[in-house]
N, C-alpha and C. Protein backbone atom coordinates (compact mmCIF):
# COMPACT_ATOMS: atom_id res chain seq x y z
N MET A 1 5.87 0.53 17.04
CA MET A 1 5.85 -2.13 17.33
C MET A 1 7.38 -2.03 16.52
N ASN A 2 7.73 -3.19 16.95
CA ASN A 2 9.25 -3.77 16.77
C ASN A 2 8.29 -4.96 15.79
N ARG A 3 8.85 -5.34 15.27
CA ARG A 3 8.93 -6.21 13.87
C ARG A 3 8.37 -7.88 14.10
N GLU A 4 8.35 -7.91 15.45
CA GLU A 4 8.48 -9.56 15.42
C GLU A 4 6.35 -9.57 16.72
N VAL A 5 6.28 -8.14 16.43
CA VAL A 5 4.68 -8.04 17.17
C VAL A 5 3.57 -7.74 15.34
N HIS A 6 4.79 -6.81 14.86
CA HIS A 6 3.63 -7.18 13.01
C HIS A 6 3.79 -8.79 12.76
N VAL A 7 4.66 -9.52 13.25
CA VAL A 7 4.73 -10.26 12.46
C VAL A 7 3.55 -11.35 13.14
N ARG A 8 3.60 -11.36 14.02
CA ARG A 8 2.34 -11.81 15.37
C ARG A 8 1.01 -11.08 14.91
N ILE A 9 0.56 -9.69 14.32
CA ILE A 9 -0.44 -9.50 14.45
C ILE A 9 -1.19 -10.54 13.17
N TRP A 10 -0.23 -10.15 12.21
CA TRP A 10 -0.40 -11.38 10.35
C TRP A 10 -0.62 -12.46 10.69
N GLU A 11 0.31 -13.33 11.39
CA GLU A 11 0.15 -14.33 11.60
C GLU A 11 -1.21 -14.61 12.35
N ARG A 12 -1.45 -14.40 13.80
CA ARG A 12 -2.63 -14.63 13.82
C ARG A 12 -4.12 -14.46 12.84
N LEU A 13 -3.98 -13.14 12.18
CA LEU A 13 -5.04 -12.33 11.34
C LEU A 13 -5.54 -13.92 9.91
N GLU A 14 -3.93 -14.57 9.61
CA GLU A 14 -3.82 -15.04 8.60
C GLU A 14 -4.52 -16.45 9.22
N VAL A 15 -3.86 -16.59 10.43
CA VAL A 15 -5.32 -17.97 11.16
C VAL A 15 -6.37 -18.00 11.80
N ARG A 16 -7.27 -17.03 11.02
CA ARG A 16 -8.01 -16.77 11.53
C ARG A 16 -8.72 -16.76 10.57
N VAL A 17 -8.36 -16.08 9.02
CA VAL A 17 -8.93 -16.37 7.64
C VAL A 17 -8.61 -17.94 7.50
N LEU A 18 -7.45 -18.91 8.28
CA LEU A 18 -7.54 -19.50 7.04
C LEU A 18 -9.11 -20.50 8.28
N ARG A 19 -9.14 -20.01 9.41
CA ARG A 19 -9.80 -20.81 10.05
C ARG A 19 -11.92 -20.88 9.69
N ALA A 20 -11.82 -19.49 9.78
CA ALA A 20 -12.82 -19.40 8.59
C ALA A 20 -13.10 -19.35 7.95
N THR A 21 -12.32 -19.77 6.61
CA THR A 21 -12.61 -20.36 5.53
C THR A 21 -12.21 -22.04 5.57
N ARG A 22 -11.82 -22.81 6.46
CA ARG A 22 -12.03 -24.04 6.94
C ARG A 22 -13.44 -23.99 7.63
N ARG A 23 -14.05 -23.44 7.91
CA ARG A 23 -15.07 -23.48 9.10
C ARG A 23 -16.52 -23.73 7.90
N TYR A 24 -16.68 -22.37 6.74
CA TYR A 24 -17.02 -22.27 5.78
C TYR A 24 -17.51 -23.81 4.79
N LEU A 25 -15.76 -24.10 4.77
CA LEU A 25 -16.26 -25.05 3.76
C LEU A 25 -16.76 -26.24 4.47
N GLN A 26 -16.54 -26.70 5.98
CA GLN A 26 -17.02 -27.86 5.87
C GLN A 26 -18.67 -27.55 6.46
N TRP A 27 -19.17 -26.26 6.34
CA TRP A 27 -20.84 -26.06 6.55
C TRP A 27 -20.95 -26.32 5.57
N ALA A 28 -20.64 -25.76 3.99
CA ALA A 28 -21.11 -26.17 3.32
C ALA A 28 -21.04 -27.35 2.73
N GLN A 29 -20.27 -28.33 3.62
CA GLN A 29 -20.21 -30.05 2.89
C GLN A 29 -20.94 -30.48 3.60
N GLY A 30 -20.97 -30.37 4.47
CA GLY A 30 -21.99 -30.92 6.03
C GLY A 30 -23.47 -31.17 5.29
N TRP A 31 -23.77 -29.84 4.14
CA TRP A 31 -24.84 -29.12 3.69
C TRP A 31 -25.04 -29.80 2.36
N ALA A 32 -24.20 -30.39 1.60
CA ALA A 32 -24.37 -30.60 0.65
C ALA A 32 -24.19 -29.75 -0.30
N ALA A 33 -23.94 -28.95 0.06
CA ALA A 33 -24.05 -27.11 -0.85
C ALA A 33 -22.54 -27.40 -1.60
N TYR A 34 -22.40 -28.05 -2.39
CA TYR A 34 -20.99 -28.46 -3.31
C TYR A 34 -20.90 -27.22 -4.55
N ALA A 35 -22.10 -26.69 -4.78
CA ALA A 35 -21.50 -26.00 -5.78
C ALA A 35 -21.25 -24.66 -4.68
N ASN A 36 -21.64 -24.06 -3.67
CA ASN A 36 -21.28 -23.36 -2.26
C ASN A 36 -19.91 -23.29 -2.39
N MET A 37 -19.54 -24.43 -2.18
CA MET A 37 -18.38 -25.01 -1.42
C MET A 37 -16.87 -24.20 -2.99
N TYR A 38 -17.17 -24.81 -3.75
CA TYR A 38 -16.67 -24.51 -5.25
C TYR A 38 -16.65 -23.14 -5.75
N ALA A 39 -17.47 -22.69 -5.53
CA ALA A 39 -18.16 -21.48 -6.13
C ALA A 39 -16.23 -20.22 -4.65
N ALA A 40 -16.99 -20.63 -3.68
CA ALA A 40 -15.91 -20.22 -3.05
C ALA A 40 -14.55 -20.79 -3.06
N LEU A 41 -14.05 -21.93 -2.99
CA LEU A 41 -12.65 -22.44 -3.20
C LEU A 41 -12.30 -21.09 -5.26
N LEU A 42 -13.45 -20.92 -5.82
CA LEU A 42 -12.83 -20.49 -7.03
C LEU A 42 -12.59 -18.96 -6.61
N ILE A 43 -13.44 -18.56 -6.18
CA ILE A 43 -12.92 -17.65 -5.72
C ILE A 43 -12.32 -16.16 -4.39
N MET A 44 -11.42 -17.55 -4.01
CA MET A 44 -10.60 -17.51 -2.48
C MET A 44 -9.15 -17.95 -3.77
N ALA A 45 -9.22 -18.69 -5.15
CA ALA A 45 -8.08 -19.01 -6.32
C ALA A 45 -8.06 -17.38 -6.91
N LEU A 46 -9.74 -17.34 -6.98
CA LEU A 46 -8.43 -16.00 -7.97
C LEU A 46 -8.63 -14.80 -7.48
N LEU A 47 -9.06 -14.43 -5.88
CA LEU A 47 -8.67 -13.58 -4.83
C LEU A 47 -6.79 -13.73 -4.73
N CYS A 48 -6.16 -14.52 -3.99
CA CYS A 48 -4.96 -14.94 -4.16
C CYS A 48 -4.78 -14.89 -5.80
N SER A 49 -5.02 -15.35 -6.30
CA SER A 49 -3.81 -14.88 -8.04
C SER A 49 -3.52 -13.54 -8.36
N GLY A 50 -5.19 -12.96 -8.06
CA GLY A 50 -5.05 -11.52 -8.14
C GLY A 50 -3.56 -10.87 -7.40
N LEU A 51 -3.87 -10.92 -6.22
CA LEU A 51 -3.39 -10.12 -4.88
C LEU A 51 -1.68 -10.23 -5.95
N ILE A 52 -1.32 -11.86 -5.63
CA ILE A 52 -0.41 -12.23 -6.36
C ILE A 52 0.56 -11.36 -7.20
N THR A 53 -0.28 -11.61 -7.93
CA THR A 53 -0.02 -10.13 -9.79
C THR A 53 0.33 -8.95 -9.06
N LEU A 54 -1.37 -8.19 -8.39
CA LEU A 54 -1.14 -6.82 -8.19
C LEU A 54 0.42 -6.18 -7.62
N LEU A 55 0.90 -7.46 -6.09
CA LEU A 55 1.97 -7.11 -5.57
C LEU A 55 3.32 -7.88 -6.41
N PHE A 56 2.89 -8.65 -7.40
CA PHE A 56 4.45 -8.74 -8.16
C PHE A 56 4.47 -7.44 -9.16
N ARG A 57 3.42 -6.87 -10.06
CA ARG A 57 3.06 -5.35 -10.62
C ARG A 57 4.28 -4.33 -9.73
N LEU A 58 3.86 -4.12 -8.31
CA LEU A 58 3.72 -3.42 -7.66
C LEU A 58 5.29 -3.21 -7.55
N ARG A 59 5.39 -4.68 -7.25
CA ARG A 59 7.43 -4.74 -7.12
C ARG A 59 7.72 -3.98 -8.01
N ASP A 60 7.44 -4.59 -9.30
CA ASP A 60 8.43 -3.82 -10.34
C ASP A 60 8.62 -3.03 -10.70
N ARG A 61 7.07 -2.19 -10.23
CA ARG A 61 7.12 -0.77 -10.61
C ARG A 61 8.38 -0.14 -9.89
N LEU A 62 8.11 -0.40 -8.41
CA LEU A 62 9.13 0.53 -7.54
C LEU A 62 10.69 0.22 -7.34
N LEU A 63 10.62 -1.30 -7.62
CA LEU A 63 12.23 -1.18 -7.74
C LEU A 63 12.76 -1.32 -9.63
N SER A 64 11.78 -0.74 -10.61
CA SER A 64 12.43 -0.86 -11.98
C SER A 64 13.38 0.20 -11.87
N TRP A 65 14.00 1.26 -10.73
CA TRP A 65 15.55 2.17 -10.91
C TRP A 65 16.44 0.98 -10.95
N GLN A 66 16.10 -0.05 -10.30
CA GLN A 66 17.65 -1.01 -9.81
C GLN A 66 17.42 -1.89 -10.92
N LYS A 67 16.87 -1.83 -12.13
CA LYS A 67 16.80 -3.12 -13.67
C LYS A 67 18.40 -2.48 -13.85
N GLY A 68 19.19 -3.18 -14.56
CA GLY A 68 21.07 -3.48 -15.24
C GLY A 68 21.51 -3.11 -14.08
N LEU A 69 20.68 -2.74 -12.66
CA LEU A 69 21.68 -2.47 -11.86
C LEU A 69 23.11 -3.55 -11.52
N VAL A 70 22.77 -4.69 -10.59
CA VAL A 70 22.77 -5.53 -10.65
C VAL A 70 22.93 -7.07 -12.05
N ARG A 71 24.25 -7.20 -11.62
CA ARG A 71 24.98 -8.07 -12.87
C ARG A 71 25.51 -9.49 -12.10
N TRP A 72 25.43 -10.40 -12.85
CA TRP A 72 25.52 -11.96 -12.32
C TRP A 72 26.72 -12.01 -13.61
């Protein structure tokens, strides 16, 4: 597979996740289940924050051999 196909697959997956999230939040709001809605938002924020932290730590570990290689 070339890069464009991979990008399209991930974009489709990302769009599906966003649509499902929006649908759930609208459903929770429609039923006045604000506690569920805020819990879902908190869980999503924690998951995204954790994922970003994990990716940065992985990047730092994998690219540690480049430390001090580039000087500005």
